[in-house]
Protein backbone atom coordinates (compact mmCIF):
# COMPACT_ATOMS: atom_id res chain seq x y z
CA MET A 1 67.14 90.30 103.33
CA ARG A 2 66.34 93.99 102.69
CA LYS A 3 62.95 93.93 104.43
CA ASP A 4 64.48 92.09 107.35
CA TYR A 5 67.23 94.59 108.09
CA LEU A 6 64.96 97.58 107.56
CA GLN A 7 62.49 96.12 110.05
CA GLN A 8 65.31 95.55 112.54
CA SER A 9 66.57 99.13 112.22
CA PRO A 10 65.47 102.15 114.29
CA ALA A 11 64.05 105.01 112.23
CA ILE A 12 67.28 107.00 112.14
CA LEU A 13 69.28 104.03 110.81
CA ARG A 14 66.56 103.02 108.36
CA GLU A 15 66.60 106.51 106.84
CA PHE A 16 70.38 106.34 106.49
CA LEU A 17 70.29 102.95 104.74
CA LEU A 18 67.64 104.13 102.29
CA TYR A 19 69.64 107.30 101.66
CA MET A 20 72.76 105.28 100.85
CA GLU A 21 70.85 103.04 98.44
CA THR A 22 68.56 105.52 96.68
CA ILE A 23 70.48 108.81 96.83
CA ARG A 24 74.10 107.68 96.94
CA GLY A 25 73.46 104.69 94.66
CA ARG A 26 75.22 102.11 96.80
CA SER A 27 74.60 98.47 95.96
CA ALA A 28 72.29 96.32 98.07
CA LEU A 29 75.32 94.34 99.28
CA THR A 30 77.12 97.49 100.42
CA VAL A 31 74.02 98.74 102.24
CA GLU A 32 73.75 95.40 104.03
CA GLU A 33 77.37 95.72 105.17
CA TYR A 34 76.60 99.19 106.56
CA PHE A 35 73.70 97.69 108.48
CA PHE A 36 75.74 94.86 110.00
CA ASP A 37 78.57 97.19 111.03
CA LEU A 38 76.27 99.80 112.55
CA ARG A 39 74.12 97.18 114.28
CA THR A 40 77.23 95.85 116.01
CA PHE A 41 78.15 99.37 117.15
CA MET A 42 74.63 100.14 118.38
CA ARG A 43 74.47 96.87 120.31
CA PHE A 44 77.77 97.74 121.95
CA LEU A 45 76.52 101.25 122.74
CA LEU A 46 73.36 99.95 124.42
CA ARG A 47 75.42 97.59 126.57
CA PHE A 48 78.09 100.22 127.27
CA ARG A 49 75.38 102.59 128.51
CA ASP A 50 73.84 99.82 130.70
CA LEU A 51 70.60 99.98 128.71
CA VAL A 52 70.28 96.20 128.31
CA PRO A 53 70.53 93.36 130.85
CA PRO A 54 74.17 92.26 131.34
CA SER A 55 73.26 88.62 130.76
CA LEU A 56 71.59 89.27 127.37
CA PRO A 57 73.72 87.82 124.52
CA ASP A 58 74.91 90.33 121.93
CA GLU A 59 73.01 88.67 119.09
CA GLU A 60 69.73 89.05 121.00
CA ILE A 61 70.08 92.79 121.61
CA SER A 62 67.50 94.74 119.61
CA ILE A 63 68.73 98.09 118.31
CA LEU A 64 65.21 99.50 117.87
CA PRO A 65 65.52 101.57 121.10
CA VAL A 66 68.46 103.52 119.62
CA ASP A 67 67.34 107.11 119.11
CA LEU A 68 68.82 110.53 118.37
CA PRO A 69 69.58 111.49 122.01
CA LEU A 70 71.63 108.31 122.42
CA LEU A 71 73.60 109.01 119.25
CA GLN A 72 74.08 112.63 120.28
CA SER A 73 75.75 111.37 123.45
CA VAL A 74 78.43 109.44 121.52
CA THR A 75 81.98 110.66 122.08
CA LEU A 76 85.27 109.81 120.41
CA ALA A 77 86.27 107.95 123.57
CA ASP A 78 83.16 105.77 123.21
CA VAL A 79 84.18 104.79 119.70
CA TYR A 80 87.69 103.89 120.80
CA GLU A 81 86.15 101.71 123.51
CA TYR A 82 84.12 100.08 120.75
CA MET A 83 87.24 99.49 118.66
CA ASN A 84 88.93 97.92 121.67
CA TYR A 85 85.87 95.69 122.11
CA ALA A 86 85.95 94.75 118.41
CA LYS A 87 89.60 93.76 118.66
CA ASN A 88 89.65 91.94 122.00
CA GLU A 89 86.12 90.58 122.37
CA ARG A 90 85.23 89.91 118.73
CA SER A 91 88.78 89.20 117.50
CA ASN A 92 88.33 91.55 114.54
CA THR A 93 91.38 92.03 112.36
CA ASN A 94 92.77 95.45 111.47
CA LYS A 95 91.08 95.16 108.08
CA THR A 96 87.68 94.43 109.64
CA ARG A 97 88.05 97.25 112.16
CA ALA A 98 89.08 99.61 109.36
CA ARG A 99 85.84 98.77 107.55
CA LYS A 100 83.82 99.37 110.71
CA THR A 101 85.58 102.72 111.08
CA THR A 102 84.54 103.65 107.55
CA SER A 103 80.92 102.72 108.26
CA LEU A 104 80.89 104.89 111.38
CA ARG A 105 82.50 107.79 109.53
CA VAL A 106 79.88 107.70 106.77
CA PHE A 107 76.99 107.37 109.24
CA PHE A 108 78.02 110.23 111.52
CA LYS A 109 78.89 112.44 108.55
CA TYR A 110 75.35 111.81 107.30
CA LEU A 111 73.89 112.80 110.70
CA THR A 112 76.07 115.90 110.90
CA ASP A 113 76.39 117.29 107.38
CA TYR A 114 73.28 115.97 105.62
CA LYS A 115 70.62 115.78 108.31
CA HIS A 116 72.13 118.48 110.58
CA LEU A 117 71.11 116.48 113.65
CA LEU A 118 74.50 116.86 115.35
CA PRO A 119 76.19 120.24 115.97
CA LYS A 120 79.59 118.60 115.48
CA ASN A 121 80.78 115.26 114.20
CA PRO A 122 82.04 113.46 117.35
CA ILE A 123 84.27 111.06 115.42
CA GLN A 124 85.79 113.49 112.96
CA ASP A 125 89.26 112.78 114.39
CA LEU A 126 88.82 109.01 114.55
CA ASP A 127 91.97 107.19 113.42
CA THR A 128 91.71 104.22 111.09
CA PRO A 129 93.58 101.01 112.02
CA LYS A 130 96.55 100.44 109.77
CA ILE A 131 96.12 97.57 107.38
CA LYS A 132 99.11 95.40 106.60
CA LYS A 133 99.80 95.52 102.89
CA ALA A 134 100.28 91.89 101.99
CA LEU A 135 101.00 90.59 98.52
CA PRO A 136 97.83 89.23 96.87
CA LYS A 137 97.60 85.47 96.70
CA TYR A 138 96.91 83.99 93.30
CA LEU A 139 97.04 80.80 91.27
CA THR A 140 99.99 80.11 89.01
CA LEU A 141 99.39 79.51 85.33
CA ASP A 142 99.69 75.75 85.87
CA GLN A 143 97.25 75.86 88.78
CA SER A 144 94.80 77.88 86.69
CA LEU A 145 94.93 75.28 83.92
CA ALA A 146 94.49 72.51 86.48
CA LEU A 147 91.45 74.32 87.87
CA LEU A 148 89.80 74.49 84.45
CA ASN A 149 90.66 70.85 83.75
CA SER A 150 89.06 69.75 87.05
CA VAL A 151 85.52 70.66 85.94
CA ARG A 152 83.15 67.71 85.95
CA GLY A 153 79.53 66.90 86.67
CA GLU A 154 75.96 67.76 85.73
CA PHE A 155 76.66 71.52 85.46
CA ALA A 156 80.09 71.22 83.86
CA GLN A 157 79.41 73.69 81.01
CA ARG A 158 78.07 76.30 83.43
CA ASP A 159 80.90 75.82 85.91
CA TYR A 160 83.57 75.94 83.22
CA CYS A 161 82.08 79.15 81.85
CA MET A 162 82.03 80.74 85.32
CA LEU A 163 85.67 79.84 85.98
CA THR A 164 86.70 81.07 82.54
CA LEU A 165 85.11 84.49 83.04
CA LEU A 166 86.61 84.81 86.51
CA LEU A 167 90.11 83.90 85.32
CA ASN A 168 90.03 85.94 82.11
CA CYS A 169 88.03 89.03 83.08
CA GLY A 170 88.89 89.40 86.75
CA LEU A 171 85.24 89.70 87.78
CA ARG A 172 84.13 90.05 91.38
CA ARG A 173 81.81 87.36 92.70
CA ALA A 174 78.79 89.72 92.74
CA GLU A 175 79.60 90.89 89.21
CA LEU A 176 79.65 87.32 87.92
CA ALA A 177 76.33 86.47 89.59
CA GLY A 178 74.80 89.65 88.15
CA VAL A 179 75.72 89.02 84.50
CA ASN A 180 72.71 88.94 82.19
CA ILE A 181 72.47 87.37 78.75
CA SER A 182 71.58 90.82 77.41
CA ASP A 183 74.89 92.12 78.77
CA ILE A 184 76.73 90.05 76.15
CA ARG A 185 76.95 92.19 73.03
CA PRO A 186 77.43 91.19 69.37
CA ASP A 187 80.80 93.01 69.29
CA ARG A 188 82.21 90.51 71.81
CA THR A 189 81.99 92.88 74.75
CA LEU A 190 80.41 92.39 78.14
CA ARG A 191 78.67 95.05 80.22
CA VAL A 192 79.52 94.64 83.90
CA ARG A 193 77.89 96.36 86.86
CA GLY A 194 80.50 96.82 89.55
CA LYS A 195 80.66 98.42 92.98
CA GLY A 196 78.33 101.38 93.43
CA ASN A 197 76.37 100.25 90.34
CA LYS A 198 79.17 101.61 88.15
CA GLU A 199 79.25 100.04 84.72
CA ARG A 200 82.27 99.11 82.66
CA ILE A 201 82.74 97.31 79.35
CA LEU A 202 85.03 94.29 79.05
CA TYR A 203 86.24 92.46 75.94
CA LEU A 204 85.44 88.76 75.67
CA ASN A 205 88.39 86.82 74.28
CA ASP A 206 88.11 83.54 72.39
CA ALA A 207 88.15 81.42 75.55
CA CYS A 208 85.27 83.42 77.07
CA MET A 209 83.18 83.42 73.89
CA ASP A 210 83.66 79.68 73.39
CA ALA A 211 82.73 78.91 77.01
CA ILE A 212 79.63 81.14 76.85
CA GLU A 213 78.42 79.64 73.56
CA ARG A 214 78.87 76.09 74.85
CA TYR A 215 77.02 76.89 78.07
CA LEU A 216 74.11 78.65 76.34
CA LYS A 217 73.46 75.49 74.31
CA VAL A 218 72.67 73.56 77.50
CA ARG A 219 71.36 76.37 79.73
CA PRO A 220 67.76 75.61 80.86
CA ARG A 221 65.01 77.55 79.09
CA ASP A 222 61.81 76.22 80.66
CA GLY A 223 60.76 77.15 84.18
CA VAL A 224 63.50 79.74 84.58
CA VAL A 225 62.69 82.38 87.23
CA ASP A 226 65.01 85.10 85.92
CA ARG A 227 65.10 84.50 82.17
CA ASP A 228 67.85 87.06 81.52
CA ALA A 229 70.24 85.74 84.17
CA LEU A 230 73.25 84.09 82.54
CA PHE A 231 74.19 81.73 85.36
CA LEU A 232 71.41 79.69 86.94
CA SER A 233 71.29 77.52 90.03
CA ARG A 234 69.90 74.00 90.05
CA LEU A 235 66.56 75.62 91.00
CA LYS A 236 66.64 77.52 87.68
CA GLN A 237 66.99 80.94 89.28
CA ARG A 238 69.88 83.40 89.24
CA ILE A 239 72.81 81.89 91.05
CA SER A 240 73.46 83.48 94.44
CA LEU A 241 76.75 84.79 95.82
CA GLN A 242 76.90 81.78 98.10
CA GLY A 243 76.21 79.56 95.10
CA VAL A 244 79.16 81.02 93.21
CA HIS A 245 81.35 80.51 96.27
CA PHE A 246 80.28 76.87 96.61
CA VAL A 247 80.89 76.07 92.94
CA VAL A 248 84.34 77.66 92.79
CA LYS A 249 85.39 76.25 96.16
CA GLN A 250 84.64 72.66 95.18
CA TYR A 251 87.03 72.92 92.24
CA LEU A 252 89.74 74.84 94.11
CA LYS A 253 89.88 71.97 96.60
CA GLN A 254 91.02 69.71 93.76
CA VAL A 255 94.01 71.89 92.86
CA PRO A 256 97.14 71.25 94.98
CA GLY A 257 98.17 74.38 96.81
CA ALA A 258 94.87 76.16 96.18
CA GLU A 259 92.64 74.29 98.62
CA GLU A 260 92.27 77.27 100.97
CA TYR A 261 91.75 79.89 98.27
CA SER A 262 88.47 81.72 97.64
CA THR A 263 86.63 83.07 94.60
CA HIS A 264 88.30 86.44 95.03
CA LYS A 265 91.69 84.81 94.51
CA LEU A 266 90.67 84.14 90.90
CA ARG A 267 90.30 87.91 90.45
CA HIS A 268 93.83 88.30 91.83
CA THR A 269 94.96 85.55 89.47
CA ALA A 270 93.47 87.22 86.40
CA ALA A 271 95.06 90.55 87.29
CA THR A 272 98.47 89.03 88.06
CA LEU A 273 98.60 86.91 84.90
CA MET A 274 97.58 89.84 82.71
CA TYR A 275 100.23 92.07 84.27
CA GLN A 276 103.11 89.62 84.61
CA LYS A 277 102.56 87.30 81.64
CA GLY A 278 100.65 89.57 79.29
CA GLY A 279 102.48 92.82 79.96
CA VAL A 280 99.19 94.74 80.37
CA ASP A 281 99.67 98.41 81.26
CA ILE A 282 98.73 99.19 84.86
CA ARG A 283 96.25 101.87 83.73
CA VAL A 284 94.49 99.45 81.42
CA LEU A 285 94.39 96.88 84.21
CA LYS A 286 92.76 99.51 86.46
CA ASP A 287 89.87 99.90 84.00
CA ILE A 288 89.49 96.15 83.50
CA LEU A 289 89.19 95.56 87.24
CA GLY A 290 86.91 98.56 87.80
CA HIS A 291 89.14 100.26 90.37
CA GLU A 292 88.51 103.90 91.16
CA ASN A 293 92.11 104.60 92.16
CA LEU A 294 95.31 103.50 90.48
CA GLY A 295 96.79 102.89 93.92
CA THR A 296 94.39 99.96 94.40
CA THR A 297 95.59 98.33 91.19
CA GLU A 298 99.25 98.73 92.10
CA ILE A 299 99.10 95.76 94.46
CA TYR A 300 99.31 93.60 91.33
CA THR A 301 102.64 95.08 90.27
CA HIS A 302 104.45 92.83 92.73
CA LEU A 303 107.35 90.94 91.21
CA SER A 304 107.21 87.23 90.55
CA MET A 305 110.06 85.00 91.68
CA GLU A 306 110.99 84.54 88.00
CA GLN A 307 111.34 88.31 87.60
CA ILE A 308 113.41 88.55 90.78
CA GLN A 309 115.68 85.70 89.63
CA LYS A 310 116.11 87.26 86.19
CA ALA A 311 116.94 90.66 87.70
CA GLU A 312 119.54 89.26 90.10
CA GLU A 313 121.13 87.09 87.41
CA SER A 314 121.49 90.19 85.22
CA ASN A 315 123.80 91.73 87.83
CA PRO A 316 127.33 91.82 86.28
CA LEU A 317 128.69 90.41 89.54
CA SER A 318 126.39 87.38 89.45
CA ALA A 319 129.06 85.16 87.82
CA VAL A 320 131.96 86.29 90.00
CA LYS A 321 133.11 83.45 92.27
CA ALA A 322 135.59 83.48 95.14
CA PRO A 323 139.24 82.92 94.06
CA SER A 324 140.73 79.54 94.90
CA ALA A 325 143.46 81.29 96.90
CA LEU A 326 140.81 82.26 99.39
CA ASP A 327 140.72 78.68 100.61
CA ARG A 328 144.40 78.92 101.69
CA ILE A 329 143.90 81.95 103.97
CA PRO A 330 144.56 81.07 107.66
CA LYS A 331 141.36 80.10 109.37
CA ARG A 332 142.03 82.30 112.42
CA ILE A 333 142.07 86.02 111.69
CA PRO A 334 141.43 88.91 114.08
CA GLN A 335 137.76 89.50 114.62
CA GLU A 336 135.95 92.56 115.89
CA GLN A 337 135.94 91.26 119.44
CA ASP A 338 139.75 90.90 119.35
CA GLU A 339 140.28 94.61 118.81
CA PRO A 340 140.97 96.75 121.87
CA GLN A 341 137.88 98.60 123.08
CA GLU A 342 137.93 102.25 124.04
CA GLU A 343 137.01 102.88 127.63
CA SER A 344 133.55 104.25 128.00
CA SER A 345 132.96 107.31 130.10
CA ALA A 346 129.37 106.32 130.74
CA THR A 347 128.38 105.41 134.25
CA PRO A 348 125.15 103.89 135.54
CA GLU A 349 124.25 107.32 136.86
CA ASN A 350 124.53 109.20 133.55
CA ASP A 351 123.95 106.39 131.10
CA THR A 352 120.64 107.05 129.31
């Protein structure tokens, strides 16, 4: 895909994408996301400036004509028009629009502070849409066991190993696909390359080691394209992100209550089970998951219903029941509406 999006990009965007990958060390997936977000904005800008035929569909608009003078003309009002377009025309959620805002911030900061092509950053005061902080969805312990027990088929050992690493190590989908055999060390540790090509070391428990050893016994050796890749597709090449999604999804559909979940929910599951059932310290969990900020990890400190029930039952008033005499109290007692009301001095003229 890299050659494709570089060929579709005007020079100024192509330089930015290469800068983010080679200088800032962003992953290929992150750079692709920058491209998609900025392409959408540039297509909007060309249409907003009446530089393309009105009847031309958005997906057919080439962004190659975008040049420095056009970007120098961008104002904060233009970007808010774009955000309005993203919300109403493209039905983007707050989370998606927040990501697009981040992409624009990084791009215009690059043009202003690194390349010095703009005298002032036009979107410096751009507000980011607020993202609703929802509790992470995850599988229960019983659902996790059911997921592992659902594995069948020609690639059962591979699939079981993938699910085991996801549920025990909390790997991201890209991290799982990127695992190499050489990343598995004799001391039962696994080297993982996370976001921004940052590495971390994870411990492989008995379940992970057993699943890996069983899979390696049946993993193809002949005709393999990437010989160091741990997980291979049926074509004997490194499994793709879409391949991981397909494998996990087919098993999630067999678990009641988890049919709509995604691969990322297994990462939430691993984190939640380690924190709630295993009592793992939040700072340790942060390192396991590869989070930069502790605040990101804190979403997994939500309370389970069992914890809430236990807490409320520990209240010394939890066993106090109404006295039987309460049942003999007359049914009709004065209510608030029966009490005399003070006259209000407010009038329609001065009532605000």
